[in-house]
């Protein structure tokens, strides 16, 4: 597996995670704090998060298929973009796991 596959996934995990946290803060501002500007903010961020989450799904699925993950693990990674801050923790765990596999010389994960 090429390192670029992991890099694309990592970038989209961070982007998706940041947008989801921003959306959560915007929703709190909109509904709990009744901030007027939060409505426009949440609309823009929700659209951006929605489209970029689709890219995240594509890149995460590509990574999982190349790493030959079981379906349960694949679903866990795909759903990480829907829980605020989960994408950060899952990305870190997956990156460490795959980097360790490359260092160990695992056959299913070849060096770039």
PDB file of N, CA and C in Angstrom:
ATOM      1  N   UNK A   1       0.846  -1.174   0.000  1.00  0.00           N
ATOM      2  CA  UNK A   1       0.000   0.000   0.000  1.00  0.00           C
ATOM      3  C   UNK A   1       0.891   1.235   0.000  1.00  0.00           C
ATOM      4  N   UNK A   2       0.548   2.178  -0.800  1.00  0.00           N
ATOM      5  CA  UNK A   2       1.319   3.410  -0.865  1.00  0.00           C
ATOM      6  C   UNK A   2       1.007   4.307   0.324  1.00  0.00           C
ATOM      7  N   UNK A   3       1.991   5.069   0.716  1.00  0.00           N
ATOM      8  CA  UNK A   3       1.832   5.982   1.842  1.00  0.00           C
ATOM      9  C   UNK A   3       0.798   7.066   1.525  1.00  0.00           C
ATOM     10  N   UNK A   4       0.626   7.398   0.256  1.00  0.00           N
ATOM     11  CA  UNK A   4      -0.331   8.439  -0.126  1.00  0.00           C
ATOM     12  C   UNK A   4      -1.770   8.045   0.225  1.00  0.00           C
ATOM     13  N   UNK A   5      -2.067   6.756   0.232  1.00  0.00           N
ATOM     14  CA  UNK A   5      -3.409   6.291   0.603  1.00  0.00           C
ATOM     15  C   UNK A   5      -3.682   6.636   2.064  1.00  0.00           C
ATOM     16  N   UNK A   6      -2.715   6.375   2.928  1.00  0.00           N
ATOM     17  CA  UNK A   6      -2.851   6.720   4.339  1.00  0.00           C
ATOM     18  C   UNK A   6      -2.899   8.230   4.527  1.00  0.00           C
ATOM     19  N   UNK A   7      -2.081   8.969   3.796  1.00  0.00           N
ATOM     20  CA  UNK A   7      -2.060  10.426   3.915  1.00  0.00           C
ATOM     21  C   UNK A   7      -3.395  11.040   3.528  1.00  0.00           C
ATOM     22  N   UNK A   8      -3.990  10.565   2.436  1.00  0.00           N
ATOM     23  CA  UNK A   8      -5.308  11.087   2.024  1.00  0.00           C
ATOM     24  C   UNK A   8      -6.345  10.833   3.105  1.00  0.00           C
ATOM     25  N   UNK A   9      -6.329   9.642   3.666  1.00  0.00           N
ATOM     26  CA  UNK A   9      -7.265   9.315   4.737  1.00  0.00           C
ATOM     27  C   UNK A   9      -7.047  10.227   5.945  1.00  0.00           C
ATOM     28  N   UNK A  10      -5.801  10.410   6.336  1.00  0.00           N
ATOM     29  CA  UNK A  10      -5.497  11.233   7.507  1.00  0.00           C
ATOM     30  C   UNK A  10      -5.966  12.669   7.326  1.00  0.00           C
ATOM     31  N   UNK A  11      -5.708  13.238   6.160  1.00  0.00           N
ATOM     32  CA  UNK A  11      -6.139  14.618   5.890  1.00  0.00           C
ATOM     33  C   UNK A  11      -7.655  14.724   5.979  1.00  0.00           C
ATOM     34  N   UNK A  12      -8.360  13.804   5.350  1.00  0.00           N
ATOM     35  CA  UNK A  12      -9.820  13.873   5.373  1.00  0.00           C
ATOM     36  C   UNK A  12     -10.380  13.591   6.759  1.00  0.00           C
ATOM     37  N   UNK A  13      -9.706  12.769   7.553  1.00  0.00           N
ATOM     38  CA  UNK A  13     -10.160  12.522   8.921  1.00  0.00           C
ATOM     39  C   UNK A  13     -10.072  13.805   9.737  1.00  0.00           C
ATOM     40  N   UNK A  14      -8.973  14.530   9.597  1.00  0.00           N
ATOM     41  CA  UNK A  14      -8.832  15.786  10.324  1.00  0.00           C
ATOM     42  C   UNK A  14      -9.834  16.827   9.837  1.00  0.00           C
ATOM     43  N   UNK A  15      -9.987  16.961   8.530  1.00  0.00           N
ATOM     44  CA  UNK A  15     -10.931  17.943   7.988  1.00  0.00           C
ATOM     45  C   UNK A  15     -12.349  17.626   8.445  1.00  0.00           C
ATOM     46  N   UNK A  16     -12.741  16.368   8.326  1.00  0.00           N
ATOM     47  CA  UNK A  16     -14.082  15.954   8.745  1.00  0.00           C
ATOM     48  C   UNK A  16     -14.268  16.175  10.243  1.00  0.00           C
ATOM     49  N   UNK A  17     -13.263  15.844  11.030  1.00  0.00           N
ATOM     50  CA  UNK A  17     -13.344  16.028  12.473  1.00  0.00           C
ATOM     51  C   UNK A  17     -13.481  17.488  12.875  1.00  0.00           C
ATOM     52  N   UNK A  18     -12.671  18.348  12.261  1.00  0.00           N
ATOM     53  CA  UNK A  18     -12.733  19.777  12.573  1.00  0.00           C
ATOM     54  C   UNK A  18     -14.100  20.349  12.191  1.00  0.00           C
ATOM     55  N   UNK A  19     -14.585  19.999  11.011  1.00  0.00           N
ATOM     56  CA  UNK A  19     -15.887  20.513  10.592  1.00  0.00           C
ATOM     57  C   UNK A  19     -17.015  20.006  11.475  1.00  0.00           C
ATOM     58  N   UNK A  20     -16.919  18.775  11.930  1.00  0.00           N
ATOM     59  CA  UNK A  20     -17.972  18.243  12.792  1.00  0.00           C
ATOM     60  C   UNK A  20     -17.962  18.914  14.166  1.00  0.00           C
ATOM     61  N   UNK A  21     -16.785  19.200  14.697  1.00  0.00           N
ATOM     62  CA  UNK A  21     -16.701  19.931  15.957  1.00  0.00           C
ATOM     63  C   UNK A  21     -17.247  21.347  15.769  1.00  0.00           C
ATOM     64  N   UNK A  22     -16.885  21.999  14.660  1.00  0.00           N
ATOM     65  CA  UNK A  22     -17.406  23.342  14.376  1.00  0.00           C
ATOM     66  C   UNK A  22     -18.924  23.322  14.234  1.00  0.00           C
ATOM     67  N   UNK A  23     -19.440  22.295  13.566  1.00  0.00           N
ATOM     68  CA  UNK A  23     -20.885  22.170  13.413  1.00  0.00           C
ATOM     69  C   UNK A  23     -21.571  21.964  14.763  1.00  0.00           C
ATOM     70  N   UNK A  24     -20.973  21.167  15.614  1.00  0.00           N
ATOM     71  CA  UNK A  24     -21.534  20.938  16.945  1.00  0.00           C
ATOM     72  C   UNK A  24     -21.577  22.241  17.745  1.00  0.00           C
ATOM     73  N   UNK A  25     -20.494  22.991  17.697  1.00  0.00           N
ATOM     74  CA  UNK A  25     -20.458  24.283  18.393  1.00  0.00           C
ATOM     75  C   UNK A  25     -21.502  25.236  17.805  1.00  0.00           C
ATOM     76  N   UNK A  26     -21.622  25.234  16.481  1.00  0.00           N
ATOM     77  CA  UNK A  26     -22.632  26.072  15.830  1.00  0.00           C
ATOM     78  C   UNK A  26     -24.048  25.686  16.228  1.00  0.00           C
ATOM     79  N   UNK A  27     -24.312  24.394  16.338  1.00  0.00           N
ATOM     80  CA  UNK A  27     -25.650  23.934  16.736  1.00  0.00           C
ATOM     81  C   UNK A  27     -25.954  24.318  18.187  1.00  0.00           C
ATOM     82  N   UNK A  28     -24.951  24.233  19.033  1.00  0.00           N
ATOM     83  CA  UNK A  28     -25.143  24.660  20.428  1.00  0.00           C
ATOM     84  C   UNK A  28     -25.461  26.155  20.462  1.00  0.00           C
ATOM     85  N   UNK A  29     -24.707  26.912  19.672  1.00  0.00           N
ATOM     86  CA  UNK A  29     -24.969  28.348  19.600  1.00  0.00           C
ATOM     87  C   UNK A  29     -26.341  28.665  19.037  1.00  0.00           C
ATOM     88  N   UNK A  30     -26.739  27.914  18.047  1.00  0.00           N
ATOM     89  CA  UNK A  30     -28.026  28.163  17.388  1.00  0.00           C
ATOM     90  C   UNK A  30     -29.214  27.786  18.276  1.00  0.00           C
ATOM     91  N   UNK A  31     -29.178  26.613  18.877  1.00  0.00           N
ATOM     92  CA  UNK A  31     -30.342  26.118  19.607  1.00  0.00           C
ATOM     93  C   UNK A  31     -30.296  26.366  21.115  1.00  0.00           C
ATOM     94  N   UNK A  32     -29.133  26.230  21.727  1.00  0.00           N
ATOM     95  CA  UNK A  32     -29.066  26.382  23.186  1.00  0.00           C
ATOM     96  C   UNK A  32     -28.853  27.833  23.610  1.00  0.00           C
ATOM     97  N   UNK A  33     -28.016  28.546  22.838  1.00  0.00           N
ATOM     98  CA  UNK A  33     -27.687  29.917  23.213  1.00  0.00           C
ATOM     99  C   UNK A  33     -28.465  30.959  22.413  1.00  0.00           C
ATOM    100  N   UNK A  34     -29.173  30.525  21.398  1.00  0.00           N
ATOM    101  CA  UNK A  34     -29.998  31.403  20.547  1.00  0.00           C
ATOM    102  C   UNK A  34     -29.191  32.550  19.924  1.00  0.00           C
ATOM    103  N   UNK A  35     -28.017  32.200  19.374  1.00  0.00           N
ATOM    104  CA  UNK A  35     -27.160  33.177  18.701  1.00  0.00           C
ATOM    105  C   UNK A  35     -27.649  33.324  17.264  1.00  0.00           C
ATOM    106  N   UNK A  36     -27.913  34.551  16.833  1.00  0.00           N
ATOM    107  CA  UNK A  36     -28.469  34.798  15.499  1.00  0.00           C
ATOM    108  C   UNK A  36     -27.512  34.394  14.376  1.00  0.00           C
ATOM    109  N   UNK A  37     -26.235  34.698  14.527  1.00  0.00           N
ATOM    110  CA  UNK A  37     -25.259  34.402  13.475  1.00  0.00           C
ATOM    111  C   UNK A  37     -24.996  32.907  13.322  1.00  0.00           C
ATOM    112  N   UNK A  38     -25.375  32.139  14.292  1.00  0.00           N
ATOM    113  CA  UNK A  38     -25.099  30.704  14.250  1.00  0.00           C
ATOM    114  C   UNK A  38     -25.891  29.995  13.159  1.00  0.00           C
ATOM    115  N   UNK A  39     -27.036  30.539  12.773  1.00  0.00           N
ATOM    116  CA  UNK A  39     -27.849  29.880  11.748  1.00  0.00           C
ATOM    117  C   UNK A  39     -27.131  29.829  10.404  1.00  0.00           C
ATOM    118  N   UNK A  40     -26.571  30.968   9.974  1.00  0.00           N
ATOM    119  CA  UNK A  40     -25.825  30.991   8.711  1.00  0.00           C
ATOM    120  C   UNK A  40     -24.563  30.129   8.804  1.00  0.00           C
ATOM    121  N   UNK A  41     -23.896  30.207   9.941  1.00  0.00           N
ATOM    122  CA  UNK A  41     -22.682  29.422  10.156  1.00  0.00           C
ATOM    123  C   UNK A  41     -22.963  27.927  10.052  1.00  0.00           C
ATOM    124  N   UNK A  42     -24.002  27.472  10.742  1.00  0.00           N
ATOM    125  CA  UNK A  42     -24.313  26.040  10.722  1.00  0.00           C
ATOM    126  C   UNK A  42     -24.729  25.573   9.333  1.00  0.00           C
ATOM    127  N   UNK A  43     -25.384  26.435   8.576  1.00  0.00           N
ATOM    128  CA  UNK A  43     -25.787  26.052   7.224  1.00  0.00           C
ATOM    129  C   UNK A  43     -24.563  25.819   6.344  1.00  0.00           C
ATOM    130  N   UNK A  44     -23.623  26.736   6.393  1.00  0.00           N
ATOM    131  CA  UNK A  44     -22.409  26.614   5.578  1.00  0.00           C
ATOM    132  C   UNK A  44     -21.576  25.410   6.019  1.00  0.00           C
ATOM    133  N   UNK A  45     -21.369  25.276   7.314  1.00  0.00           N
ATOM    134  CA  UNK A  45     -20.526  24.193   7.835  1.00  0.00           C
ATOM    135  C   UNK A  45     -21.178  22.832   7.599  1.00  0.00           C
ATOM    136  N   UNK A  46     -22.488  22.752   7.723  1.00  0.00           N
ATOM    137  CA  UNK A  46     -23.149  21.461   7.510  1.00  0.00           C
ATOM    138  C   UNK A  46     -23.042  21.004   6.057  1.00  0.00           C
ATOM    139  N   UNK A  47     -23.153  21.932   5.129  1.00  0.00           N
ATOM    140  CA  UNK A  47     -23.001  21.582   3.716  1.00  0.00           C
ATOM    141  C   UNK A  47     -21.559  21.137   3.434  1.00  0.00           C
ATOM    142  N   UNK A  48     -20.596  21.896   3.948  1.00  0.00           N
ATOM    143  CA  UNK A  48     -19.180  21.533   3.745  1.00  0.00           C
ATOM    144  C   UNK A  48     -18.872  20.171   4.371  1.00  0.00           C
ATOM    145  N   UNK A  49     -19.350  19.960   5.590  1.00  0.00           N
ATOM    146  CA  UNK A  49     -19.095  18.683   6.256  1.00  0.00           C
ATOM    147  C   UNK A  49     -19.735  17.528   5.476  1.00  0.00           C
ATOM    148  N   UNK A  50     -20.941  17.736   4.987  1.00  0.00           N
ATOM    149  CA  UNK A  50     -21.626  16.678   4.241  1.00  0.00           C
ATOM    150  C   UNK A  50     -20.862  16.242   3.007  1.00  0.00           C
ATOM    151  N   UNK A  51     -20.422  17.206   2.216  1.00  0.00           N
ATOM    152  CA  UNK A  51     -19.686  16.865   0.994  1.00  0.00           C
ATOM    153  C   UNK A  51     -18.316  16.283   1.296  1.00  0.00           C
ATOM    154  N   UNK A  52     -17.642  16.849   2.270  1.00  0.00           N
ATOM    155  CA  UNK A  52     -16.309  16.344   2.601  1.00  0.00           C
ATOM    156  C   UNK A  52     -16.367  15.001   3.325  1.00  0.00           C
ATOM    157  N   UNK A  53     -17.464  14.731   4.008  1.00  0.00           N
ATOM    158  CA  UNK A  53     -17.632  13.414   4.630  1.00  0.00           C
ATOM    159  C   UNK A  53     -17.725  12.325   3.557  1.00  0.00           C
ATOM    160  N   UNK A  54     -18.332  12.660   2.436  1.00  0.00           N
ATOM    161  CA  UNK A  54     -18.393  11.698   1.321  1.00  0.00           C
ATOM    162  C   UNK A  54     -16.974  11.376   0.848  1.00  0.00           C
ATOM    163  N   UNK A  55     -16.123  12.386   0.736  1.00  0.00           N
ATOM    164  CA  UNK A  55     -14.721  12.132   0.363  1.00  0.00           C
ATOM    165  C   UNK A  55     -14.018  11.299   1.435  1.00  0.00           C
ATOM    166  N   UNK A  56     -14.294  11.611   2.694  1.00  0.00           N
ATOM    167  CA  UNK A  56     -13.735  10.824   3.793  1.00  0.00           C
ATOM    168  C   UNK A  56     -14.129   9.356   3.656  1.00  0.00           C
ATOM    169  N   UNK A  57     -15.399   9.103   3.356  1.00  0.00           N
ATOM    170  CA  UNK A  57     -15.866   7.726   3.184  1.00  0.00           C
ATOM    171  C   UNK A  57     -15.113   7.019   2.064  1.00  0.00           C
ATOM    172  N   UNK A  58     -14.929   7.714   0.959  1.00  0.00           N
ATOM    173  CA  UNK A  58     -14.221   7.127  -0.186  1.00  0.00           C
ATOM    174  C   UNK A  58     -12.784   6.784   0.190  1.00  0.00           C
ATOM    175  N   UNK A  59     -12.086   7.737   0.813  1.00  0.00           N
ATOM    176  CA  UNK A  59     -10.680   7.511   1.170  1.00  0.00           C
ATOM    177  C   UNK A  59     -10.537   6.461   2.264  1.00  0.00           C
ATOM    178  N   UNK A  60     -11.437   6.460   3.236  1.00  0.00           N
ATOM    179  CA  UNK A  60     -11.380   5.453   4.305  1.00  0.00           C
ATOM    180  C   UNK A  60     -11.673   4.061   3.745  1.00  0.00           C
ATOM    181  N   UNK A  61     -12.632   3.973   2.847  1.00  0.00           N
ATOM    182  CA  UNK A  61     -12.936   2.678   2.235  1.00  0.00           C
ATOM    183  C   UNK A  61     -11.754   2.192   1.396  1.00  0.00           C
ATOM    184  N   UNK A  62     -11.134   3.099   0.662  1.00  0.00           N
ATOM    185  CA  UNK A  62      -9.959   2.744  -0.140  1.00  0.00           C
ATOM    186  C   UNK A  62      -8.834   2.231   0.756  1.00  0.00           C
ATOM    187  N   UNK A  63      -8.595   2.925   1.854  1.00  0.00           N
ATOM    188  CA  UNK A  63      -7.566   2.495   2.797  1.00  0.00           C
ATOM    189  C   UNK A  63      -7.895   1.124   3.385  1.00  0.00           C
ATOM    190  N   UNK A  64      -9.129   0.956   3.805  1.00  0.00           N
ATOM    191  CA  UNK A  64      -9.537  -0.319   4.406  1.00  0.00           C
ATOM    192  C   UNK A  64      -9.464  -1.482   3.447  1.00  0.00           C
ATOM    193  N   UNK A  65      -9.829  -1.249   2.200  1.00  0.00           N
ATOM    194  CA  UNK A  65      -9.769  -2.340   1.224  1.00  0.00           C
ATOM    195  C   UNK A  65      -8.325  -2.708   0.887  1.00  0.00           C
ATOM    196  N   UNK A  66      -7.448  -1.718   0.837  1.00  0.00           N
ATOM    197  CA  UNK A  66      -6.039  -2.007   0.561  1.00  0.00           C
ATOM    198  C   UNK A  66      -5.333  -2.639   1.765  1.00  0.00           C
ATOM    199  N   UNK A  67      -5.787  -2.289   2.969  1.00  0.00           N
ATOM    200  CA  UNK A  67      -5.210  -2.884   4.178  1.00  0.00           C
ATOM    201  C   UNK A  67      -5.877  -4.215   4.527  1.00  0.00           C
ATOM    202  N   UNK A  68      -6.918  -4.566   3.784  1.00  0.00           N
ATOM    203  CA  UNK A  68      -7.646  -5.833   3.964  1.00  0.00           C
ATOM    204  C   UNK A  68      -8.233  -5.969   5.368  1.00  0.00           C
ATOM    205  N   UNK A  69      -8.935  -4.904   5.781  1.00  0.00           N
ATOM    206  CA  UNK A  69      -9.588  -4.920   7.078  1.00  0.00           C
ATOM    207  C   UNK A  69     -10.850  -5.750   7.030  1.00  0.00           C
ATOM    208  N   UNK A  70     -11.247  -6.327   8.165  1.00  0.00           N
ATOM    209  CA  UNK A  70     -12.553  -6.997   8.237  1.00  0.00           C
ATOM    210  C   UNK A  70     -13.671  -5.941   8.184  1.00  0.00           C
ATOM    211  N   UNK A  71     -14.867  -6.367   7.851  1.00  0.00           N
ATOM    212  CA  UNK A  71     -15.998  -5.450   7.661  1.00  0.00           C
ATOM    213  C   UNK A  71     -16.280  -4.646   8.932  1.00  0.00           C
ATOM    214  N   UNK A  72     -16.214  -5.273  10.088  1.00  0.00           N
ATOM    215  CA  UNK A  72     -16.503  -4.584  11.346  1.00  0.00           C
ATOM    216  C   UNK A  72     -15.552  -3.408  11.574  1.00  0.00           C
ATOM    217  N   UNK A  73     -14.284  -3.617  11.317  1.00  0.00           N
ATOM    218  CA  UNK A  73     -13.304  -2.548  11.478  1.00  0.00           C
ATOM    219  C   UNK A  73     -13.537  -1.453  10.440  1.00  0.00           C
ATOM    220  N   UNK A  74     -13.855  -1.850   9.239  1.00  0.00           N
ATOM    221  CA  UNK A  74     -14.128  -0.893   8.165  1.00  0.00           C
ATOM    222  C   UNK A  74     -15.302   0.017   8.553  1.00  0.00           C
ATOM    223  N   UNK A  75     -16.373  -0.567   9.059  1.00  0.00           N
ATOM    224  CA  UNK A  75     -17.541   0.224   9.466  1.00  0.00           C
ATOM    225  C   UNK A  75     -17.203   1.158  10.619  1.00  0.00           C
ATOM    226  N   UNK A  76     -16.396   0.683  11.558  1.00  0.00           N
ATOM    227  CA  UNK A  76     -15.971   1.506  12.690  1.00  0.00           C
ATOM    228  C   UNK A  76     -15.248   2.759  12.199  1.00  0.00           C
ATOM    229  N   UNK A  77     -14.354   2.605  11.243  1.00  0.00           N
ATOM    230  CA  UNK A  77     -13.597   3.732  10.704  1.00  0.00           C
ATOM    231  C   UNK A  77     -14.519   4.650   9.897  1.00  0.00           C
ATOM    232  N   UNK A  78     -15.418   4.081   9.114  1.00  0.00           N
ATOM    233  CA  UNK A  78     -16.322   4.896   8.311  1.00  0.00           C
ATOM    234  C   UNK A  78     -17.249   5.739   9.175  1.00  0.00           C
ATOM    235  N   UNK A  79     -17.717   5.193  10.270  1.00  0.00           N
ATOM    236  CA  UNK A  79     -18.639   5.923  11.140  1.00  0.00           C
ATOM    237  C   UNK A  79     -17.942   6.934  12.049  1.00  0.00           C
ATOM    238  N   UNK A  80     -16.634   6.900  12.115  1.00  0.00           N
ATOM    239  CA  UNK A  80     -15.902   7.831  12.980  1.00  0.00           C
ATOM    240  C   UNK A  80     -16.122   9.287  12.579  1.00  0.00           C
ATOM    241  N   UNK A  81     -16.464   9.539  11.346  1.00  0.00           N
ATOM    242  CA  UNK A  81     -16.707  10.906  10.889  1.00  0.00           C
ATOM    243  C   UNK A  81     -18.064  11.451  11.273  1.00  0.00           C
ATOM    244  N   UNK A  82     -18.854  10.660  11.995  1.00  0.00           N
ATOM    245  CA  UNK A  82     -20.185  11.114  12.391  1.00  0.00           C
ATOM    246  C   UNK A  82     -20.274  11.441  13.878  1.00  0.00           C
ATOM    247  N   UNK A  83     -19.249  11.136  14.642  1.00  0.00           N
ATOM    248  CA  UNK A  83     -19.239  11.405  16.078  1.00  0.00           C
ATOM    249  C   UNK A  83     -18.184  12.484  16.343  1.00  0.00           C
ATOM    250  N   UNK A  84     -18.592  13.611  16.938  1.00  0.00           N
ATOM    251  CA  UNK A  84     -17.607  14.682  17.174  1.00  0.00           C
ATOM    252  C   UNK A  84     -16.378  14.172  17.931  1.00  0.00           C
ATOM    253  N   UNK A  85     -15.231  14.502  17.443  1.00  0.00           N
ATOM    254  CA  UNK A  85     -13.877  14.159  17.930  1.00  0.00           C
ATOM    255  C   UNK A  85     -13.480  12.702  17.712  1.00  0.00           C
ATOM    256  N   UNK A  86     -14.373  11.828  17.343  1.00  0.00           N
ATOM    257  CA  UNK A  86     -14.015  10.420  17.136  1.00  0.00           C
ATOM    258  C   UNK A  86     -13.026  10.249  15.989  1.00  0.00           C
ATOM    259  N   UNK A  87     -13.155  11.055  14.950  1.00  0.00           N
ATOM    260  CA  UNK A  87     -12.261  10.934  13.797  1.00  0.00           C
ATOM    261  C   UNK A  87     -10.804  11.135  14.200  1.00  0.00           C
ATOM    262  N   UNK A  88     -10.560  12.005  15.164  1.00  0.00           N
ATOM    263  CA  UNK A  88      -9.180  12.251  15.600  1.00  0.00           C
ATOM    264  C   UNK A  88      -8.583  11.018  16.274  1.00  0.00           C
ATOM    265  N   UNK A  89      -9.341  10.408  17.155  1.00  0.00           N
ATOM    266  CA  UNK A  89      -8.853   9.242  17.892  1.00  0.00           C
ATOM    267  C   UNK A  89      -8.708   8.015  16.989  1.00  0.00           C
ATOM    268  N   UNK A  90      -9.682   7.820  16.117  1.00  0.00           N
ATOM    269  CA  UNK A  90      -9.629   6.674  15.196  1.00  0.00           C
ATOM    270  C   UNK A  90      -8.487   6.845  14.209  1.00  0.00           C
ATOM    271  N   UNK A  91      -8.312   8.056  13.697  1.00  0.00           N
ATOM    272  CA  UNK A  91      -7.215   8.312  12.747  1.00  0.00           C
ATOM    273  C   UNK A  91      -5.869   8.007  13.390  1.00  0.00           C
ATOM    274  N   UNK A  92      -5.675   8.450  14.615  1.00  0.00           N
ATOM    275  CA  UNK A  92      -4.403   8.227  15.302  1.00  0.00           C
ATOM    276  C   UNK A  92      -4.147   6.734  15.505  1.00  0.00           C
ATOM    277  N   UNK A  93      -5.182   6.030  15.910  1.00  0.00           N
ATOM    278  CA  UNK A  93      -5.044   4.586  16.151  1.00  0.00           C
ATOM    279  C   UNK A  93      -4.733   3.836  14.854  1.00  0.00           C
ATOM    280  N   UNK A  94      -5.459   4.165  13.802  1.00  0.00           N
ATOM    281  CA  UNK A  94      -5.262   3.506  12.512  1.00  0.00           C
ATOM    282  C   UNK A  94      -3.874   3.825  11.955  1.00  0.00           C
ATOM    283  N   UNK A  95      -3.460   5.089  12.056  1.00  0.00           N
ATOM    284  CA  UNK A  95      -2.145   5.476  11.545  1.00  0.00           C
ATOM    285  C   UNK A  95      -1.031   4.728  12.270  1.00  0.00           C
ATOM    286  N   UNK A  96      -1.117   4.663  13.577  1.00  0.00           N
ATOM    287  CA  UNK A  96      -0.094   3.934  14.345  1.00  0.00           C
ATOM    288  C   UNK A  96      -0.068   2.457  13.971  1.00  0.00           C
ATOM    289  N   UNK A  97      -1.257   1.898  13.828  1.00  0.00           N
ATOM    290  CA  UNK A  97      -1.351   0.480  13.478  1.00  0.00           C
ATOM    291  C   UNK A  97      -0.733   0.191  12.113  1.00  0.00           C
ATOM    292  N   UNK A  98      -1.059   1.010  11.125  1.00  0.00           N
ATOM    293  CA  UNK A  98      -0.532   0.780   9.780  1.00  0.00           C
ATOM    294  C   UNK A  98       0.956   1.083   9.686  1.00  0.00           C
ATOM    295  N   UNK A  99       1.414   2.110  10.398  1.00  0.00           N
ATOM    296  CA  UNK A  99       2.842   2.412  10.396  1.00  0.00           C
ATOM    297  C   UNK A  99       3.632   1.303  11.075  1.00  0.00           C
ATOM    298  N   UNK A 100       3.075   0.718  12.122  1.00  0.00           N
ATOM    299  CA  UNK A 100       3.733  -0.409  12.786  1.00  0.00           C
ATOM    300  C   UNK A 100       3.779  -1.624  11.867  1.00  0.00           C
ATOM    301  N   UNK A 101       2.714  -1.810  11.085  1.00  0.00           N
ATOM    302  CA  UNK A 101       2.688  -2.926  10.134  1.00  0.00           C
ATOM    303  C   UNK A 101       3.751  -2.764   9.062  1.00  0.00           C
ATOM    304  N   UNK A 102       3.948  -1.544   8.615  1.00  0.00           N
ATOM    305  CA  UNK A 102       4.969  -1.280   7.602  1.00  0.00           C
ATOM    306  C   UNK A 102       6.359  -1.539   8.176  1.00  0.00           C
ATOM    307  N   UNK A 103       6.578  -1.104   9.413  1.00  0.00           N
ATOM    308  CA  UNK A 103       7.890  -1.311  10.042  1.00  0.00           C
ATOM    309  C   UNK A 103       8.164  -2.795  10.283  1.00  0.00           C
ATOM    310  N   UNK A 104       7.115  -3.553  10.614  1.00  0.00           N
ATOM    311  CA  UNK A 104       7.272  -4.990  10.854  1.00  0.00           C
ATOM    312  C   UNK A 104       7.414  -5.781   9.559  1.00  0.00           C
ATOM    313  N   UNK A 105       7.095  -5.129   8.435  1.00  0.00           N
ATOM    314  CA  UNK A 105       7.194  -5.806   7.158  1.00  0.00           C
ATOM    315  C   UNK A 105       6.023  -6.732   6.873  1.00  0.00           C
ATOM    316  N   UNK A 106       4.845  -6.371   7.362  1.00  0.00           N
ATOM    317  CA  UNK A 106       3.662  -7.187   7.136  1.00  0.00           C
ATOM    318  C   UNK A 106       3.389  -7.306   5.640  1.00  0.00           C
ATOM    319  N   UNK A 107       3.064  -8.497   5.147  1.00  0.00           N
ATOM    320  CA  UNK A 107       2.887  -8.692   3.719  1.00  0.00           C
ATOM    321  C   UNK A 107       1.721  -7.923   3.110  1.00  0.00           C
ATOM    322  N   UNK A 108       0.625  -7.705   3.892  1.00  0.00           N
ATOM    323  CA  UNK A 108      -0.533  -7.021   3.295  1.00  0.00           C
ATOM    324  C   UNK A 108      -0.350  -5.507   3.225  1.00  0.00           C
ATOM    325  N   UNK A 109       0.677  -4.980   3.893  1.00  0.00           N
ATOM    326  CA  UNK A 109       0.937  -3.547   3.854  1.00  0.00           C
ATOM    327  C   UNK A 109       2.389  -3.354   3.430  1.00  0.00           C
ATOM    328  N   UNK A 110       2.580  -3.117   2.156  1.00  0.00           N
ATOM    329  CA  UNK A 110       3.934  -2.957   1.635  1.00  0.00           C
ATOM    330  C   UNK A 110       4.402  -1.524   1.801  1.00  0.00           C
ATOM    331  N   UNK A 111       5.709  -1.344   1.871  1.00  0.00           N
ATOM    332  CA  UNK A 111       6.260   0.007   1.977  1.00  0.00           C
ATOM    333  C   UNK A 111       6.059   0.759   0.679  1.00  0.00           C
ATOM    334  N   UNK A 112       5.963   2.092   0.787  1.00  0.00           N
ATOM    335  CA  UNK A 112       5.739   2.942  -0.397  1.00  0.00           C
ATOM    336  C   UNK A 112       6.968   3.011  -1.252  1.00  0.00           C
TER     337      UNK A 112
END
